[in-house]
């Protein structure tokens, strides 16, 4: 899997760009990378979650309260959930939990800590607007 970590300004310590170019071969929807790539390239906001996880609930409720309708993938109900979770673990740093994993505008924003930090410092709403998830 190839991901590119890059700094992208205030509130986002590192964002990870998932290659959203069309694949050169036939799409394999059993491949966790392809599943994640397709989801994040086709939706303004994607939250990978585990049902029953309190921090996942906080992330989803925050986004819903802001008027965002994220695409939510409950990994414990998904056929390739464990593989996707392993892929997400590669994206996080410093031993952070891989879920909730929030993608905004096709880029990995981070987990609950990054989401809350962006909300508190005022950078979350502009990110959501730039991604097309908010219009106001």
N, C-alpha and C. Protein backbone atom coordinates (compact mmCIF):
# COMPACT_ATOMS: atom_id res chain seq x y z
N UNK A 1 0.83 -1.17 0.00
CA UNK A 1 0.00 0.00 0.00
C UNK A 1 0.87 1.23 0.00
N UNK A 2 0.54 2.19 -0.80
CA UNK A 2 1.30 3.42 -0.83
C UNK A 2 0.41 4.55 -0.35
N UNK A 3 0.86 5.22 0.70
CA UNK A 3 0.19 6.41 1.18
C UNK A 3 1.24 7.48 1.33
N UNK A 4 0.83 8.71 1.17
CA UNK A 4 1.78 9.81 1.30
C UNK A 4 1.36 10.68 2.46
N UNK A 5 2.19 10.75 3.49
CA UNK A 5 1.90 11.64 4.61
C UNK A 5 2.42 13.01 4.26
N UNK A 6 1.59 14.02 4.59
CA UNK A 6 2.03 15.38 4.33
C UNK A 6 1.38 16.31 5.33
N UNK A 7 2.08 17.37 5.70
CA UNK A 7 1.51 18.38 6.58
C UNK A 7 0.56 19.22 5.76
N UNK A 8 -0.53 19.65 6.42
CA UNK A 8 -1.47 20.45 5.67
C UNK A 8 -2.04 21.58 6.51
N UNK A 9 -1.25 22.15 7.37
CA UNK A 9 -1.66 23.38 8.02
C UNK A 9 -2.16 23.21 9.43
N UNK A 10 -2.75 24.27 9.93
CA UNK A 10 -3.21 24.35 11.30
C UNK A 10 -4.29 23.32 11.56
N UNK A 11 -4.15 22.60 12.67
CA UNK A 11 -5.17 21.65 13.06
C UNK A 11 -5.00 20.27 12.47
N UNK A 12 -4.19 20.14 11.47
CA UNK A 12 -3.98 18.84 10.86
C UNK A 12 -2.50 18.54 10.92
N UNK A 13 -2.11 17.77 11.94
CA UNK A 13 -0.69 17.49 12.11
C UNK A 13 -0.15 16.71 10.93
N UNK A 14 -0.92 15.78 10.42
CA UNK A 14 -0.52 15.10 9.19
C UNK A 14 -1.77 14.56 8.53
N UNK A 15 -1.83 14.71 7.25
CA UNK A 15 -2.93 14.15 6.48
C UNK A 15 -2.34 13.11 5.57
N UNK A 16 -3.11 12.12 5.27
CA UNK A 16 -2.63 11.07 4.39
C UNK A 16 -3.50 11.07 3.16
N UNK A 17 -2.88 11.23 2.02
CA UNK A 17 -3.62 11.21 0.77
C UNK A 17 -3.69 9.77 0.27
N UNK A 18 -4.90 9.33 0.01
CA UNK A 18 -5.11 8.02 -0.59
C UNK A 18 -5.18 8.24 -2.09
N UNK A 19 -4.41 7.48 -2.84
CA UNK A 19 -4.41 7.64 -4.29
C UNK A 19 -5.81 7.40 -4.82
N UNK A 20 -6.41 8.43 -5.42
CA UNK A 20 -7.77 8.32 -5.92
C UNK A 20 -7.83 8.18 -7.43
N UNK A 21 -6.71 7.90 -8.06
CA UNK A 21 -6.69 7.69 -9.50
C UNK A 21 -7.35 6.35 -9.82
N UNK A 22 -8.03 6.24 -10.94
CA UNK A 22 -8.64 4.96 -11.31
C UNK A 22 -7.58 3.87 -11.41
N UNK A 23 -7.90 2.68 -10.94
CA UNK A 23 -6.93 1.60 -11.01
C UNK A 23 -6.70 1.17 -12.46
N UNK A 24 -5.52 0.64 -12.70
CA UNK A 24 -5.20 0.21 -14.06
C UNK A 24 -5.75 -1.18 -14.35
N UNK A 25 -6.04 -1.94 -13.31
CA UNK A 25 -6.60 -3.27 -13.51
C UNK A 25 -8.02 -3.31 -12.95
N UNK A 26 -8.67 -4.44 -13.06
CA UNK A 26 -10.02 -4.61 -12.57
C UNK A 26 -10.05 -4.40 -11.06
N UNK A 27 -11.08 -3.69 -10.59
CA UNK A 27 -11.23 -3.38 -9.18
C UNK A 27 -11.49 -4.66 -8.39
N UNK A 28 -10.74 -4.86 -7.32
CA UNK A 28 -10.93 -6.00 -6.44
C UNK A 28 -11.56 -5.50 -5.16
N UNK A 29 -12.87 -5.71 -5.01
CA UNK A 29 -13.57 -5.19 -3.84
C UNK A 29 -13.35 -6.04 -2.60
N UNK A 30 -12.53 -7.08 -2.68
CA UNK A 30 -12.12 -7.82 -1.49
C UNK A 30 -10.81 -7.27 -0.95
N UNK A 31 -10.19 -6.37 -1.69
CA UNK A 31 -8.94 -5.75 -1.29
C UNK A 31 -9.28 -4.56 -0.39
N UNK A 32 -8.84 -4.58 0.88
CA UNK A 32 -9.20 -3.49 1.79
C UNK A 32 -8.73 -2.13 1.31
N UNK A 33 -7.57 -2.07 0.68
CA UNK A 33 -7.08 -0.79 0.16
C UNK A 33 -8.04 -0.23 -0.88
N UNK A 34 -8.52 -1.08 -1.79
CA UNK A 34 -9.45 -0.63 -2.83
C UNK A 34 -10.78 -0.20 -2.24
N UNK A 35 -11.24 -0.89 -1.22
CA UNK A 35 -12.50 -0.52 -0.56
C UNK A 35 -12.36 0.87 0.06
N UNK A 36 -11.28 1.08 0.81
CA UNK A 36 -11.06 2.37 1.45
C UNK A 36 -10.88 3.45 0.39
N UNK A 37 -10.09 3.18 -0.62
CA UNK A 37 -9.83 4.17 -1.68
C UNK A 37 -11.13 4.59 -2.35
N UNK A 38 -11.97 3.63 -2.67
CA UNK A 38 -13.23 3.95 -3.33
C UNK A 38 -14.15 4.76 -2.42
N UNK A 39 -14.23 4.37 -1.18
CA UNK A 39 -15.10 5.09 -0.25
C UNK A 39 -14.65 6.53 -0.03
N UNK A 40 -13.35 6.73 0.21
CA UNK A 40 -12.88 8.08 0.52
C UNK A 40 -12.85 8.97 -0.71
N UNK A 41 -12.70 8.39 -1.90
CA UNK A 41 -12.69 9.21 -3.10
C UNK A 41 -14.10 9.58 -3.54
N UNK A 42 -15.09 8.82 -3.12
CA UNK A 42 -16.46 9.07 -3.55
C UNK A 42 -17.35 9.76 -2.54
N UNK A 43 -16.81 10.09 -1.36
CA UNK A 43 -17.62 10.70 -0.31
C UNK A 43 -16.83 11.82 0.36
N UNK A 44 -17.52 12.89 0.70
CA UNK A 44 -16.85 14.05 1.32
C UNK A 44 -16.28 13.70 2.69
N UNK A 45 -17.02 12.94 3.48
CA UNK A 45 -16.57 12.55 4.82
C UNK A 45 -16.89 11.08 5.03
N UNK A 46 -15.88 10.33 5.48
CA UNK A 46 -16.05 8.91 5.78
C UNK A 46 -15.53 8.66 7.18
N UNK A 47 -16.30 7.93 7.97
CA UNK A 47 -15.89 7.54 9.32
C UNK A 47 -15.87 6.03 9.38
N UNK A 48 -14.71 5.47 9.68
CA UNK A 48 -14.59 4.03 9.94
C UNK A 48 -14.74 3.87 11.43
N UNK A 49 -15.68 3.04 11.82
CA UNK A 49 -16.11 2.95 13.20
C UNK A 49 -16.27 1.49 13.61
N UNK A 50 -16.43 1.29 14.90
CA UNK A 50 -16.79 -0.02 15.45
C UNK A 50 -18.01 0.22 16.33
N UNK A 51 -19.08 -0.53 16.11
CA UNK A 51 -20.28 -0.33 16.91
C UNK A 51 -19.95 -0.63 18.37
N UNK A 52 -20.48 0.18 19.25
CA UNK A 52 -20.21 0.01 20.68
C UNK A 52 -18.98 0.77 21.16
N UNK A 53 -18.23 1.38 20.28
CA UNK A 53 -17.05 2.17 20.65
C UNK A 53 -17.52 3.57 21.00
N UNK A 54 -17.26 3.99 22.24
CA UNK A 54 -17.76 5.30 22.69
C UNK A 54 -17.09 6.44 21.93
N UNK A 55 -15.82 6.34 21.60
CA UNK A 55 -15.15 7.41 20.88
C UNK A 55 -15.65 7.50 19.44
N UNK A 56 -16.01 6.36 18.87
CA UNK A 56 -16.61 6.37 17.52
C UNK A 56 -17.95 7.09 17.56
N UNK A 57 -18.73 6.85 18.61
CA UNK A 57 -20.02 7.52 18.77
C UNK A 57 -19.83 9.02 18.91
N UNK A 58 -18.82 9.44 19.67
CA UNK A 58 -18.53 10.87 19.83
C UNK A 58 -18.20 11.50 18.47
N UNK A 59 -17.36 10.84 17.69
CA UNK A 59 -16.96 11.37 16.38
C UNK A 59 -18.18 11.50 15.47
N UNK A 60 -19.02 10.48 15.41
CA UNK A 60 -20.19 10.53 14.54
C UNK A 60 -21.17 11.60 15.00
N UNK A 61 -21.40 11.69 16.31
CA UNK A 61 -22.34 12.69 16.82
C UNK A 61 -21.84 14.11 16.57
N UNK A 62 -20.54 14.33 16.71
CA UNK A 62 -20.00 15.66 16.43
C UNK A 62 -20.28 16.04 14.98
N UNK A 63 -19.97 15.14 14.07
CA UNK A 63 -20.17 15.44 12.65
C UNK A 63 -21.65 15.66 12.33
N UNK A 64 -22.51 14.80 12.87
CA UNK A 64 -23.95 14.97 12.64
C UNK A 64 -24.44 16.28 13.23
N UNK A 65 -23.93 16.68 14.39
CA UNK A 65 -24.37 17.92 15.03
C UNK A 65 -23.96 19.15 14.22
N UNK A 66 -22.91 19.03 13.43
CA UNK A 66 -22.48 20.12 12.57
C UNK A 66 -23.24 20.16 11.25
N UNK A 67 -24.09 19.15 11.02
CA UNK A 67 -24.87 19.11 9.79
C UNK A 67 -24.24 18.27 8.70
N UNK A 68 -23.23 17.49 9.06
CA UNK A 68 -22.55 16.63 8.09
C UNK A 68 -23.18 15.24 8.14
N UNK A 69 -23.42 14.68 6.99
CA UNK A 69 -23.92 13.31 6.90
C UNK A 69 -22.80 12.41 6.41
N UNK A 70 -21.90 11.99 7.31
CA UNK A 70 -20.76 11.19 6.86
C UNK A 70 -21.18 9.79 6.41
N UNK A 71 -20.39 9.22 5.54
CA UNK A 71 -20.53 7.82 5.22
C UNK A 71 -19.87 7.06 6.37
N UNK A 72 -20.63 6.19 7.03
CA UNK A 72 -20.13 5.48 8.20
C UNK A 72 -19.98 4.01 7.85
N UNK A 73 -18.79 3.47 8.11
CA UNK A 73 -18.53 2.05 7.89
C UNK A 73 -18.27 1.42 9.25
N UNK A 74 -19.19 0.57 9.68
CA UNK A 74 -19.03 -0.15 10.95
C UNK A 74 -18.19 -1.40 10.66
N UNK A 75 -16.94 -1.36 11.04
CA UNK A 75 -16.00 -2.42 10.67
C UNK A 75 -16.37 -3.78 11.23
N UNK A 76 -17.02 -3.82 12.39
CA UNK A 76 -17.42 -5.10 12.96
C UNK A 76 -18.62 -5.71 12.24
N UNK A 77 -19.22 -4.97 11.32
CA UNK A 77 -20.33 -5.48 10.51
C UNK A 77 -19.94 -5.62 9.04
N UNK A 78 -18.69 -5.39 8.71
CA UNK A 78 -18.22 -5.41 7.32
C UNK A 78 -17.42 -6.69 7.09
N UNK A 79 -17.61 -7.29 5.92
CA UNK A 79 -16.96 -8.58 5.65
C UNK A 79 -15.43 -8.50 5.69
N UNK A 80 -14.86 -7.37 5.28
CA UNK A 80 -13.40 -7.22 5.33
C UNK A 80 -12.98 -6.24 6.43
N UNK A 81 -13.84 -6.07 7.44
CA UNK A 81 -13.57 -5.15 8.53
C UNK A 81 -12.23 -5.31 9.21
N UNK A 82 -11.83 -6.53 9.59
CA UNK A 82 -10.53 -6.70 10.24
C UNK A 82 -9.36 -6.29 9.33
N UNK A 83 -9.48 -6.56 8.05
CA UNK A 83 -8.42 -6.16 7.12
C UNK A 83 -8.37 -4.65 6.94
N UNK A 84 -9.54 -4.02 6.89
CA UNK A 84 -9.58 -2.56 6.79
C UNK A 84 -9.01 -1.94 8.06
N UNK A 85 -9.34 -2.51 9.22
CA UNK A 85 -8.82 -1.99 10.47
C UNK A 85 -7.30 -2.11 10.53
N UNK A 86 -6.76 -3.20 10.02
CA UNK A 86 -5.30 -3.36 9.96
C UNK A 86 -4.68 -2.31 9.05
N UNK A 87 -5.33 -2.01 7.94
CA UNK A 87 -4.86 -0.97 7.03
C UNK A 87 -4.90 0.39 7.72
N UNK A 88 -5.96 0.68 8.43
CA UNK A 88 -6.08 1.96 9.14
C UNK A 88 -5.02 2.09 10.23
N UNK A 89 -4.66 0.99 10.85
CA UNK A 89 -3.64 1.01 11.89
C UNK A 89 -2.30 1.50 11.31
N UNK A 90 -2.06 1.21 10.04
CA UNK A 90 -0.83 1.66 9.38
C UNK A 90 -0.83 3.18 9.19
N UNK A 91 -2.01 3.79 9.14
CA UNK A 91 -2.10 5.23 8.90
C UNK A 91 -1.89 6.06 10.17
N UNK A 92 -2.21 5.48 11.32
CA UNK A 92 -2.09 6.24 12.57
C UNK A 92 -0.67 6.18 13.09
N UNK A 93 -0.33 7.16 13.92
CA UNK A 93 1.03 7.19 14.46
C UNK A 93 0.98 7.23 15.98
N UNK A 94 2.10 7.00 16.58
CA UNK A 94 2.27 7.10 18.03
C UNK A 94 1.31 6.22 18.82
N UNK A 95 0.99 5.06 18.31
CA UNK A 95 0.17 4.11 19.05
C UNK A 95 -1.28 4.51 19.22
N UNK A 96 -1.77 5.46 18.43
CA UNK A 96 -3.17 5.85 18.51
C UNK A 96 -4.06 4.71 18.04
N UNK A 97 -5.29 4.73 18.47
CA UNK A 97 -6.26 3.73 18.05
C UNK A 97 -6.63 3.96 16.58
N UNK A 98 -6.81 2.88 15.81
CA UNK A 98 -7.14 3.04 14.39
C UNK A 98 -8.60 3.43 14.14
N UNK A 99 -9.46 3.33 15.14
CA UNK A 99 -10.85 3.76 14.97
C UNK A 99 -11.25 4.62 16.16
N UNK A 100 -12.03 5.64 15.96
CA UNK A 100 -12.58 6.02 14.67
C UNK A 100 -11.51 6.60 13.76
N UNK A 101 -11.65 6.36 12.50
CA UNK A 101 -10.75 6.93 11.49
C UNK A 101 -11.60 7.83 10.61
N UNK A 102 -11.23 9.10 10.55
CA UNK A 102 -12.03 10.09 9.84
C UNK A 102 -11.26 10.57 8.61
N UNK A 103 -11.92 10.48 7.46
CA UNK A 103 -11.39 10.98 6.20
C UNK A 103 -12.25 12.16 5.77
N UNK A 104 -11.61 13.25 5.39
CA UNK A 104 -12.33 14.44 4.91
C UNK A 104 -11.71 14.84 3.57
N UNK A 105 -12.55 14.96 2.57
CA UNK A 105 -12.07 15.37 1.25
C UNK A 105 -11.05 14.42 0.66
N UNK A 106 -11.20 13.14 0.93
CA UNK A 106 -10.29 12.14 0.36
C UNK A 106 -8.99 11.97 1.11
N UNK A 107 -8.82 12.69 2.22
CA UNK A 107 -7.58 12.61 2.99
C UNK A 107 -7.86 12.13 4.40
N UNK A 108 -6.93 11.39 4.94
CA UNK A 108 -7.05 10.91 6.31
C UNK A 108 -6.82 12.07 7.27
N UNK A 109 -7.88 12.47 7.98
CA UNK A 109 -7.75 13.53 8.96
C UNK A 109 -7.12 12.99 10.23
N UNK A 110 -7.61 11.85 10.70
CA UNK A 110 -7.08 11.26 11.91
C UNK A 110 -8.19 10.61 12.72
N UNK A 111 -7.90 10.42 13.99
CA UNK A 111 -8.85 9.82 14.91
C UNK A 111 -9.60 10.87 15.70
N UNK A 112 -10.13 10.44 16.84
CA UNK A 112 -10.95 11.32 17.66
C UNK A 112 -10.15 12.51 18.18
N UNK A 113 -8.87 12.32 18.52
CA UNK A 113 -8.07 13.42 19.04
C UNK A 113 -7.92 14.54 18.01
N UNK A 114 -7.62 14.17 16.79
CA UNK A 114 -7.45 15.17 15.73
C UNK A 114 -8.77 15.82 15.38
N UNK A 115 -9.83 15.03 15.31
CA UNK A 115 -11.15 15.57 15.00
C UNK A 115 -11.56 16.60 16.05
N UNK A 116 -11.40 16.27 17.32
CA UNK A 116 -11.77 17.19 18.40
C UNK A 116 -10.87 18.42 18.41
N UNK A 117 -9.58 18.24 18.17
CA UNK A 117 -8.66 19.38 18.13
C UNK A 117 -9.05 20.35 17.02
N UNK A 118 -9.39 19.81 15.85
CA UNK A 118 -9.81 20.67 14.74
C UNK A 118 -11.11 21.40 15.07
N UNK A 119 -12.01 20.73 15.75
CA UNK A 119 -13.26 21.36 16.16
C UNK A 119 -13.00 22.49 17.15
N UNK A 120 -12.17 22.22 18.15
CA UNK A 120 -11.89 23.21 19.18
C UNK A 120 -11.14 24.41 18.63
N UNK A 121 -10.16 24.18 17.76
CA UNK A 121 -9.38 25.32 17.25
C UNK A 121 -10.01 26.00 16.04
N UNK A 122 -11.19 25.54 15.61
CA UNK A 122 -11.93 26.24 14.57
C UNK A 122 -11.58 25.86 13.15
N UNK A 123 -10.78 24.84 12.95
CA UNK A 123 -10.40 24.48 11.58
C UNK A 123 -11.27 23.39 10.96
N UNK A 124 -12.13 22.75 11.77
CA UNK A 124 -12.93 21.64 11.25
C UNK A 124 -13.98 22.13 10.25
N UNK A 125 -14.73 23.15 10.58
CA UNK A 125 -15.78 23.63 9.68
C UNK A 125 -15.21 24.06 8.33
N UNK A 126 -14.12 24.84 8.29
CA UNK A 126 -13.55 25.16 6.97
C UNK A 126 -13.11 23.92 6.18
N UNK A 127 -12.56 22.91 6.87
CA UNK A 127 -12.18 21.67 6.19
C UNK A 127 -13.40 21.00 5.58
N UNK A 128 -14.48 20.96 6.35
CA UNK A 128 -15.71 20.33 5.88
C UNK A 128 -16.31 21.10 4.72
N UNK A 129 -16.23 22.42 4.77
CA UNK A 129 -16.73 23.25 3.66
C UNK A 129 -15.90 23.01 2.41
N UNK A 130 -14.58 22.99 2.55
CA UNK A 130 -13.70 22.76 1.40
C UNK A 130 -13.95 21.39 0.77
N UNK A 131 -14.33 20.41 1.58
CA UNK A 131 -14.58 19.06 1.08
C UNK A 131 -15.97 18.92 0.46
N UNK A 132 -16.81 19.94 0.63
CA UNK A 132 -18.16 19.87 0.10
C UNK A 132 -19.15 19.20 1.02
N UNK A 133 -18.78 19.03 2.28
CA UNK A 133 -19.65 18.37 3.24
C UNK A 133 -20.60 19.36 3.91
N UNK A 134 -20.25 20.65 3.88
CA UNK A 134 -21.08 21.73 4.44
C UNK A 134 -21.22 22.83 3.40
N UNK A 135 -22.37 23.45 3.37
CA UNK A 135 -22.59 24.52 2.39
C UNK A 135 -22.78 25.88 3.05
N UNK A 136 -23.01 25.91 4.34
CA UNK A 136 -23.27 27.18 5.03
C UNK A 136 -22.03 27.74 5.67
